[in-house]
Amino acid sequence: MSKTKKAEPAQVAGEEKEFGFSFEALKEHSKDLFGVKPEILEGALFYIKHQPITKTEAKKHIDAFLSKEV
């Protein structure tokens, strides 16, 4: 009988999977993590606050939110 091995997904050297955080956790530490008030984070993540989000994704949304013209 031959045993088959499951192929592990190849990881790029130096690339780590980021952990997803809840909106409330990011909001609580928004000043420390991103240098913005919790109100800014609420506006930036308004449509995605019910799902886990990484710090990198949150930062992208914050930057896009702050660069919008009023």
PDB file of N, CA and C in Angstrom:
ATOM      1  N   MET A   1       0.836  -1.177   0.000  1.00  0.00           N
ATOM      2  CA  MET A   1       0.000   0.000   0.000  1.00  0.00           C
ATOM      3  C   MET A   1       0.880   1.240   0.000  1.00  0.00           C
ATOM      4  N   SER A   2       0.531   2.138  -0.856  1.00  0.00           N
ATOM      5  CA  SER A   2       1.303   3.383  -0.887  1.00  0.00           C
ATOM      6  C   SER A   2       0.563   4.472  -0.116  1.00  0.00           C
ATOM      7  N   LYS A   3       1.335   5.222   0.592  1.00  0.00           N
ATOM      8  CA  LYS A   3       0.752   6.332   1.343  1.00  0.00           C
ATOM      9  C   LYS A   3       0.949   7.609   0.534  1.00  0.00           C
ATOM     10  N   THR A   4      -0.100   8.367   0.439  1.00  0.00           N
ATOM     11  CA  THR A   4       0.012   9.633  -0.279  1.00  0.00           C
ATOM     12  C   THR A   4       0.091  10.775   0.719  1.00  0.00           C
ATOM     13  N   LYS A   5       0.898  11.719   0.371  1.00  0.00           N
ATOM     14  CA  LYS A   5       1.035  12.891   1.226  1.00  0.00           C
ATOM     15  C   LYS A   5       0.187  14.017   0.656  1.00  0.00           C
ATOM     16  N   LYS A   6      -0.403  14.758   1.538  1.00  0.00           N
ATOM     17  CA  LYS A   6      -1.160  15.922   1.091  1.00  0.00           C
ATOM     18  C   LYS A   6      -0.169  17.034   0.781  1.00  0.00           C
ATOM     19  N   ALA A   7      -0.387  17.691  -0.311  1.00  0.00           N
ATOM     20  CA  ALA A   7       0.491  18.800  -0.686  1.00  0.00           C
ATOM     21  C   ALA A   7       0.176  20.007   0.189  1.00  0.00           C
ATOM     22  N   GLU A   8       1.196  20.495   0.826  1.00  0.00           N
ATOM     23  CA  GLU A   8       1.042  21.691   1.654  1.00  0.00           C
ATOM     24  C   GLU A   8       1.139  22.919   0.754  1.00  0.00           C
ATOM     25  N   PRO A   9       0.344  23.926   1.016  1.00  0.00           N
ATOM     26  CA  PRO A   9       0.450  25.134   0.200  1.00  0.00           C
ATOM     27  C   PRO A   9       1.824  25.781   0.373  1.00  0.00           C
ATOM     28  N   ALA A  10       2.401  26.171  -0.721  1.00  0.00           N
ATOM     29  CA  ALA A  10       3.729  26.789  -0.678  1.00  0.00           C
ATOM     30  C   ALA A  10       3.622  28.188  -0.095  1.00  0.00           C
ATOM     31  N   GLN A  11       4.495  28.476   0.840  1.00  0.00           N
ATOM     32  CA  GLN A  11       4.514  29.806   1.431  1.00  0.00           C
ATOM     33  C   GLN A  11       5.717  30.561   0.900  1.00  0.00           C
ATOM     34  N   VAL A  12       5.513  31.794   0.597  1.00  0.00           N
ATOM     35  CA  VAL A  12       6.597  32.640   0.133  1.00  0.00           C
ATOM     36  C   VAL A  12       7.457  32.985   1.342  1.00  0.00           C
ATOM     37  N   ALA A  13       8.758  32.954   1.156  1.00  0.00           N
ATOM     38  CA  ALA A  13       9.671  33.251   2.260  1.00  0.00           C
ATOM     39  C   ALA A  13       9.396  34.641   2.811  1.00  0.00           C
ATOM     40  N   GLY A  14       9.255  34.727   4.117  1.00  0.00           N
ATOM     41  CA  GLY A  14       9.019  36.009   4.766  1.00  0.00           C
ATOM     42  C   GLY A  14       7.563  36.434   4.810  1.00  0.00           C
ATOM     43  N   GLU A  15       6.700  35.719   4.139  1.00  0.00           N
ATOM     44  CA  GLU A  15       5.281  36.079   4.125  1.00  0.00           C
ATOM     45  C   GLU A  15       4.564  35.315   5.226  1.00  0.00           C
ATOM     46  N   GLU A  16       3.895  36.046   6.082  1.00  0.00           N
ATOM     47  CA  GLU A  16       3.142  35.421   7.155  1.00  0.00           C
ATOM     48  C   GLU A  16       1.677  35.762   6.987  1.00  0.00           C
ATOM     49  N   LYS A  17       0.836  34.850   7.405  1.00  0.00           N
ATOM     50  CA  LYS A  17      -0.594  35.102   7.345  1.00  0.00           C
ATOM     51  C   LYS A  17      -0.954  36.018   8.505  1.00  0.00           C
ATOM     52  N   GLU A  18      -1.635  37.107   8.183  1.00  0.00           N
ATOM     53  CA  GLU A  18      -2.031  38.052   9.218  1.00  0.00           C
ATOM     54  C   GLU A  18      -3.291  37.569   9.910  1.00  0.00           C
ATOM     55  N   PHE A  19      -3.412  37.935  11.151  1.00  0.00           N
ATOM     56  CA  PHE A  19      -4.560  37.568  11.954  1.00  0.00           C
ATOM     57  C   PHE A  19      -5.661  38.598  11.744  1.00  0.00           C
ATOM     58  N   GLY A  20      -6.896  38.135  11.599  1.00  0.00           N
ATOM     59  CA  GLY A  20      -8.031  39.033  11.445  1.00  0.00           C
ATOM     60  C   GLY A  20      -8.570  39.459  12.802  1.00  0.00           C
ATOM     61  N   PHE A  21      -8.830  40.746  12.953  1.00  0.00           N
ATOM     62  CA  PHE A  21      -9.334  41.293  14.205  1.00  0.00           C
ATOM     63  C   PHE A  21     -10.779  41.732  14.043  1.00  0.00           C
ATOM     64  N   SER A  22     -11.492  41.784  15.152  1.00  0.00           N
ATOM     65  CA  SER A  22     -12.859  42.289  15.116  1.00  0.00           C
ATOM     66  C   SER A  22     -12.822  43.804  15.000  1.00  0.00           C
ATOM     67  N   PHE A  23     -13.908  44.366  14.523  1.00  0.00           N
ATOM     68  CA  PHE A  23     -14.013  45.815  14.393  1.00  0.00           C
ATOM     69  C   PHE A  23     -13.852  46.490  15.747  1.00  0.00           C
ATOM     70  N   GLU A  24     -14.474  45.918  16.769  1.00  0.00           N
ATOM     71  CA  GLU A  24     -14.423  46.514  18.109  1.00  0.00           C
ATOM     72  C   GLU A  24     -12.997  46.548  18.658  1.00  0.00           C
ATOM     73  N   ALA A  25     -12.229  45.497  18.412  1.00  0.00           N
ATOM     74  CA  ALA A  25     -10.843  45.464  18.890  1.00  0.00           C
ATOM     75  C   ALA A  25     -10.002  46.529  18.190  1.00  0.00           C
ATOM     76  N   LEU A  26     -10.194  46.678  16.883  1.00  0.00           N
ATOM     77  CA  LEU A  26      -9.453  47.698  16.147  1.00  0.00           C
ATOM     78  C   LEU A  26      -9.882  49.098  16.576  1.00  0.00           C
ATOM     79  N   LYS A  27     -11.176  49.257  16.817  1.00  0.00           N
ATOM     80  CA  LYS A  27     -11.698  50.566  17.234  1.00  0.00           C
ATOM     81  C   LYS A  27     -11.132  50.970  18.593  1.00  0.00           C
ATOM     82  N   GLU A  28     -11.052  50.002  19.487  1.00  0.00           N
ATOM     83  CA  GLU A  28     -10.551  50.259  20.837  1.00  0.00           C
ATOM     84  C   GLU A  28      -9.099  50.747  20.821  1.00  0.00           C
ATOM     85  N   HIS A  29      -8.318  50.251  19.868  1.00  0.00           N
ATOM     86  CA  HIS A  29      -6.891  50.587  19.804  1.00  0.00           C
ATOM     87  C   HIS A  29      -6.538  51.396  18.553  1.00  0.00           C
ATOM     88  N   SER A  30      -7.505  52.087  17.991  1.00  0.00           N
ATOM     89  CA  SER A  30      -7.284  52.798  16.727  1.00  0.00           C
ATOM     90  C   SER A  30      -6.210  53.876  16.827  1.00  0.00           C
ATOM     91  N   LYS A  31      -6.157  54.571  17.940  1.00  0.00           N
ATOM     92  CA  LYS A  31      -5.165  55.643  18.113  1.00  0.00           C
ATOM     93  C   LYS A  31      -3.748  55.062  18.141  1.00  0.00           C
ATOM     94  N   ASP A  32      -3.570  53.948  18.843  1.00  0.00           N
ATOM     95  CA  ASP A  32      -2.247  53.320  18.946  1.00  0.00           C
ATOM     96  C   ASP A  32      -1.822  52.656  17.636  1.00  0.00           C
ATOM     97  N   LEU A  33      -2.766  51.984  16.968  1.00  0.00           N
ATOM     98  CA  LEU A  33      -2.432  51.223  15.764  1.00  0.00           C
ATOM     99  C   LEU A  33      -2.289  52.093  14.522  1.00  0.00           C
ATOM    100  N   PHE A  34      -3.218  53.034  14.351  1.00  0.00           N
ATOM    101  CA  PHE A  34      -3.280  53.782  13.101  1.00  0.00           C
ATOM    102  C   PHE A  34      -3.107  55.290  13.263  1.00  0.00           C
ATOM    103  N   GLY A  35      -3.125  55.771  14.503  1.00  0.00           N
ATOM    104  CA  GLY A  35      -2.980  57.203  14.739  1.00  0.00           C
ATOM    105  C   GLY A  35      -4.217  58.009  14.389  1.00  0.00           C
ATOM    106  N   VAL A  36      -5.383  57.355  14.394  1.00  0.00           N
ATOM    107  CA  VAL A  36      -6.638  58.050  14.086  1.00  0.00           C
ATOM    108  C   VAL A  36      -7.637  57.832  15.213  1.00  0.00           C
ATOM    109  N   LYS A  37      -8.611  58.728  15.286  1.00  0.00           N
ATOM    110  CA  LYS A  37      -9.661  58.597  16.289  1.00  0.00           C
ATOM    111  C   LYS A  37     -10.582  57.439  15.920  1.00  0.00           C
ATOM    112  N   PRO A  38     -11.270  56.866  16.907  1.00  0.00           N
ATOM    113  CA  PRO A  38     -12.210  55.775  16.629  1.00  0.00           C
ATOM    114  C   PRO A  38     -13.291  56.157  15.618  1.00  0.00           C
ATOM    115  N   GLU A  39     -13.680  57.433  15.590  1.00  0.00           N
ATOM    116  CA  GLU A  39     -14.705  57.891  14.652  1.00  0.00           C
ATOM    117  C   GLU A  39     -14.239  57.759  13.200  1.00  0.00           C
ATOM    118  N   ILE A  40     -12.952  58.004  12.974  1.00  0.00           N
ATOM    119  CA  ILE A  40     -12.385  57.856  11.628  1.00  0.00           C
ATOM    120  C   ILE A  40     -12.416  56.393  11.216  1.00  0.00           C
ATOM    121  N   LEU A  41     -12.060  55.520  12.135  1.00  0.00           N
ATOM    122  CA  LEU A  41     -12.077  54.084  11.852  1.00  0.00           C
ATOM    123  C   LEU A  41     -13.498  53.621  11.544  1.00  0.00           C
ATOM    124  N   GLU A  42     -14.476  54.132  12.281  1.00  0.00           N
ATOM    125  CA  GLU A  42     -15.875  53.774  12.024  1.00  0.00           C
ATOM    126  C   GLU A  42     -16.289  54.150  10.615  1.00  0.00           C
ATOM    127  N   GLY A  43     -15.909  55.338  10.177  1.00  0.00           N
ATOM    128  CA  GLY A  43     -16.250  55.772   8.825  1.00  0.00           C
ATOM    129  C   GLY A  43     -15.551  54.948   7.763  1.00  0.00           C
ATOM    130  N   ALA A  44     -14.288  54.648   7.983  1.00  0.00           N
ATOM    131  CA  ALA A  44     -13.501  53.906   6.997  1.00  0.00           C
ATOM    132  C   ALA A  44     -13.960  52.460   6.855  1.00  0.00           C
ATOM    133  N   LEU A  45     -14.391  51.864   7.955  1.00  0.00           N
ATOM    134  CA  LEU A  45     -14.772  50.444   7.933  1.00  0.00           C
ATOM    135  C   LEU A  45     -16.279  50.246   8.052  1.00  0.00           C
ATOM    136  N   PHE A  46     -17.050  51.262   7.697  1.00  0.00           N
ATOM    137  CA  PHE A  46     -18.498  51.224   7.887  1.00  0.00           C
ATOM    138  C   PHE A  46     -19.152  49.994   7.255  1.00  0.00           C
ATOM    139  N   TYR A  47     -18.792  49.667   6.016  1.00  0.00           N
ATOM    140  CA  TYR A  47     -19.449  48.570   5.304  1.00  0.00           C
ATOM    141  C   TYR A  47     -18.876  47.195   5.614  1.00  0.00           C
ATOM    142  N   ILE A  48     -17.766  47.126   6.309  1.00  0.00           N
ATOM    143  CA  ILE A  48     -17.151  45.817   6.562  1.00  0.00           C
ATOM    144  C   ILE A  48     -16.932  45.557   8.038  1.00  0.00           C
ATOM    145  N   LYS A  49     -17.649  46.233   8.902  1.00  0.00           N
ATOM    146  CA  LYS A  49     -17.390  46.094  10.333  1.00  0.00           C
ATOM    147  C   LYS A  49     -17.928  44.806  10.945  1.00  0.00           C
ATOM    148  N   HIS A  50     -18.635  43.987  10.178  1.00  0.00           N
ATOM    149  CA  HIS A  50     -19.181  42.748  10.730  1.00  0.00           C
ATOM    150  C   HIS A  50     -18.345  41.527  10.375  1.00  0.00           C
ATOM    151  N   GLN A  51     -17.150  41.739   9.876  1.00  0.00           N
ATOM    152  CA  GLN A  51     -16.274  40.624   9.526  1.00  0.00           C
ATOM    153  C   GLN A  51     -14.862  40.900  10.031  1.00  0.00           C
ATOM    154  N   PRO A  52     -14.097  39.857  10.283  1.00  0.00           N
ATOM    155  CA  PRO A  52     -12.712  40.064  10.733  1.00  0.00           C
ATOM    156  C   PRO A  52     -11.898  40.772   9.647  1.00  0.00           C
ATOM    157  N   ILE A  53     -11.002  41.633  10.068  1.00  0.00           N
ATOM    158  CA  ILE A  53     -10.180  42.384   9.124  1.00  0.00           C
ATOM    159  C   ILE A  53      -8.756  42.479   9.674  1.00  0.00           C
ATOM    160  N   THR A  54      -7.787  42.395   8.774  1.00  0.00           N
ATOM    161  CA  THR A  54      -6.389  42.488   9.204  1.00  0.00           C
ATOM    162  C   THR A  54      -6.008  43.955   9.377  1.00  0.00           C
ATOM    163  N   LYS A  55      -4.910  44.184  10.073  1.00  0.00           N
ATOM    164  CA  LYS A  55      -4.448  45.558  10.281  1.00  0.00           C
ATOM    165  C   LYS A  55      -4.051  46.202   8.953  1.00  0.00           C
ATOM    166  N   THR A  56      -3.468  45.424   8.058  1.00  0.00           N
ATOM    167  CA  THR A  56      -3.056  45.950   6.757  1.00  0.00           C
ATOM    168  C   THR A  56      -4.265  46.393   5.945  1.00  0.00           C
ATOM    169  N   GLU A  57      -5.312  45.559   5.923  1.00  0.00           N
ATOM    170  CA  GLU A  57      -6.533  45.917   5.204  1.00  0.00           C
ATOM    171  C   GLU A  57      -7.184  47.147   5.821  1.00  0.00           C
ATOM    172  N   ALA A  58      -7.215  47.202   7.137  1.00  0.00           N
ATOM    173  CA  ALA A  58      -7.808  48.350   7.823  1.00  0.00           C
ATOM    174  C   ALA A  58      -7.056  49.623   7.458  1.00  0.00           C
ATOM    175  N   LYS A  59      -5.730  49.562   7.429  1.00  0.00           N
ATOM    176  CA  LYS A  59      -4.917  50.733   7.087  1.00  0.00           C
ATOM    177  C   LYS A  59      -5.214  51.199   5.666  1.00  0.00           C
ATOM    178  N   LYS A  60      -5.395  50.260   4.732  1.00  0.00           N
ATOM    179  CA  LYS A  60      -5.717  50.619   3.350  1.00  0.00           C
ATOM    180  C   LYS A  60      -7.058  51.349   3.286  1.00  0.00           C
ATOM    181  N   HIS A  61      -8.043  50.848   4.024  1.00  0.00           N
ATOM    182  CA  HIS A  61      -9.369  51.474   4.039  1.00  0.00           C
ATOM    183  C   HIS A  61      -9.319  52.860   4.688  1.00  0.00           C
ATOM    184  N   ILE A  62      -8.533  52.998   5.742  1.00  0.00           N
ATOM    185  CA  ILE A  62      -8.397  54.297   6.415  1.00  0.00           C
ATOM    186  C   ILE A  62      -7.750  55.310   5.475  1.00  0.00           C
ATOM    187  N   ASP A  63      -6.677  54.913   4.805  1.00  0.00           N
ATOM    188  CA  ASP A  63      -5.999  55.820   3.873  1.00  0.00           C
ATOM    189  C   ASP A  63      -6.930  56.249   2.740  1.00  0.00           C
ATOM    190  N   ALA A  64      -7.701  55.296   2.208  1.00  0.00           N
ATOM    191  CA  ALA A  64      -8.649  55.619   1.142  1.00  0.00           C
ATOM    192  C   ALA A  64      -9.739  56.561   1.651  1.00  0.00           C
ATOM    193  N   PHE A  65     -10.213  56.319   2.855  1.00  0.00           N
ATOM    194  CA  PHE A  65     -11.257  57.151   3.460  1.00  0.00           C
ATOM    195  C   PHE A  65     -10.760  58.580   3.672  1.00  0.00           C
ATOM    196  N   LEU A  66      -9.543  58.717   4.161  1.00  0.00           N
ATOM    197  CA  LEU A  66      -9.003  60.046   4.436  1.00  0.00           C
ATOM    198  C   LEU A  66      -8.628  60.811   3.164  1.00  0.00           C
ATOM    199  N   SER A  67      -8.393  60.100   2.073  1.00  0.00           N
ATOM    200  CA  SER A  67      -8.001  60.773   0.835  1.00  0.00           C
ATOM    201  C   SER A  67      -9.199  61.159  -0.034  1.00  0.00           C
ATOM    202  N   LYS A  68     -10.414  60.785   0.364  1.00  0.00           N
ATOM    203  CA  LYS A  68     -11.609  61.148  -0.403  1.00  0.00           C
ATOM    204  C   LYS A  68     -11.853  62.647  -0.315  1.00  0.00           C
ATOM    205  N   GLU A  69     -12.284  63.209  -1.444  1.00  0.00           N
ATOM    206  CA  GLU A  69     -12.650  64.620  -1.444  1.00  0.00           C
ATOM    207  C   GLU A  69     -14.066  64.761  -0.926  1.00  0.00           C
ATOM    208  N   VAL A  70     -14.301  65.861  -0.230  1.00  0.00           N
ATOM    209  CA  VAL A  70     -15.627  66.085   0.359  1.00  0.00           C
ATOM    210  C   VAL A  70     -16.437  66.980  -0.535  1.00  0.00           C
TER     211      VAL A  70
END
